[in-house]
Amino acid sequence: LEMSSLSIEYKEGFSMVCSVFEVPNEGLAAADAPGNNFVPSQKFLEREEEFEITKVRYEEIETSDKQEIKEGVICRRSTDE
């Protein structure tokens, strides 16, 4: 079993390119999350305690002229401050 970790740090005025993929919400999202909202489960927050789990908007790089803004969840660098 191999594991890895990746997080980002927000910096005003900067952007990044990354891979986006879908994972099953089982065990990641709270069962009582209303509608289409992602609310991290307590177990997920405990497992990723060193990160701030946040919802972000992203734009896929595509060859067509139609660009769609989507939302995803990302692990963001966190501090004790």
Protein backbone atom coordinates (compact mmCIF):
# COMPACT_ATOMS: atom_id res chain seq x y z
CA LEU A 1 0.00 0.00 0.00
CA GLU A 2 1.38 3.38 -1.02
CA MET A 3 -0.02 6.70 0.10
CA SER A 4 0.75 10.26 -0.86
CA SER A 5 -0.45 13.70 0.03
CA LEU A 6 -0.86 16.97 -1.82
CA SER A 7 -2.18 20.31 -0.69
CA ILE A 8 -2.25 23.84 -2.06
CA GLU A 9 -1.65 27.25 -0.53
CA TYR A 10 -3.86 30.19 -1.58
CA LYS A 11 -2.04 33.20 -3.01
CA GLU A 12 -4.02 36.20 -4.28
CA GLY A 13 -3.67 36.73 -8.04
CA PHE A 14 -2.17 33.30 -8.81
CA SER A 15 -3.66 30.23 -10.47
CA MET A 16 -2.53 26.65 -11.00
CA VAL A 17 -3.04 23.66 -13.25
CA CYS A 18 -3.90 20.34 -11.64
CA SER A 19 -5.62 17.03 -12.28
CA VAL A 20 -9.26 16.77 -11.26
CA PHE A 21 -10.90 13.42 -10.68
CA GLU A 22 -14.06 12.05 -9.15
CA VAL A 23 -13.98 9.84 -6.07
CA PRO A 24 -16.93 8.19 -4.33
CA ASN A 25 -18.29 10.30 -1.46
CA GLU A 26 -18.69 7.22 0.73
CA GLY A 27 -16.86 7.98 3.96
CA LEU A 28 -15.80 11.46 2.82
CA ALA A 29 -19.05 13.41 3.01
CA ALA A 30 -21.38 13.72 5.98
CA ALA A 31 -24.53 11.70 5.40
CA ASP A 32 -26.77 14.64 6.35
CA ALA A 33 -25.23 17.15 3.92
CA PRO A 34 -28.11 19.13 2.40
CA GLY A 35 -28.69 18.93 -1.36
CA ASN A 36 -25.58 19.00 -3.51
CA ASN A 37 -23.39 20.49 -0.76
CA PHE A 38 -20.22 18.75 0.34
CA VAL A 39 -19.82 18.64 4.09
CA PRO A 40 -16.74 16.64 5.15
CA SER A 41 -17.45 13.74 7.51
CA GLN A 42 -15.83 13.80 10.95
CA LYS A 43 -13.69 10.77 10.02
CA PHE A 44 -12.45 12.54 6.88
CA LEU A 45 -11.57 15.66 8.89
CA GLU A 46 -9.75 13.56 11.49
CA ARG A 47 -7.82 11.68 8.78
CA GLU A 48 -6.80 14.93 7.07
CA GLU A 49 -6.31 16.97 10.24
CA GLU A 50 -3.30 18.85 8.91
CA PHE A 51 -5.32 20.32 6.04
CA GLU A 52 -8.18 22.76 5.64
CA ILE A 53 -10.79 20.98 3.50
CA THR A 54 -12.50 23.56 1.31
CA LYS A 55 -14.73 23.79 -1.74
CA VAL A 56 -13.20 25.59 -4.73
CA ARG A 57 -14.30 26.65 -8.19
CA TYR A 58 -12.31 25.42 -11.17
CA GLU A 59 -12.37 25.63 -14.93
CA GLU A 60 -11.51 22.63 -17.09
CA ILE A 61 -9.02 23.13 -19.89
CA GLU A 62 -10.86 22.05 -23.00
CA THR A 63 -10.54 22.44 -26.72
CA SER A 64 -14.06 23.84 -27.16
CA ASP A 65 -15.05 27.49 -26.78
CA LYS A 66 -17.50 26.72 -23.98
CA GLN A 67 -15.82 26.99 -20.60
CA GLU A 68 -17.82 25.84 -17.61
CA ILE A 69 -17.06 26.76 -13.99
CA LYS A 70 -17.36 23.72 -11.74
CA GLU A 71 -16.87 23.08 -8.03
CA GLY A 72 -14.65 20.57 -6.29
CA VAL A 73 -13.08 19.87 -2.92
CA ILE A 74 -9.40 20.45 -2.24
CA CYS A 75 -7.03 20.04 0.70
CA ARG A 76 -5.55 23.42 1.50
CA ARG A 77 -2.49 24.04 3.62
CA SER A 78 -3.46 24.85 7.19
CA THR A 79 -1.66 26.43 10.13
CA ASP A 80 -2.24 26.68 13.85
CA GLU A 81 -2.65 30.46 13.54
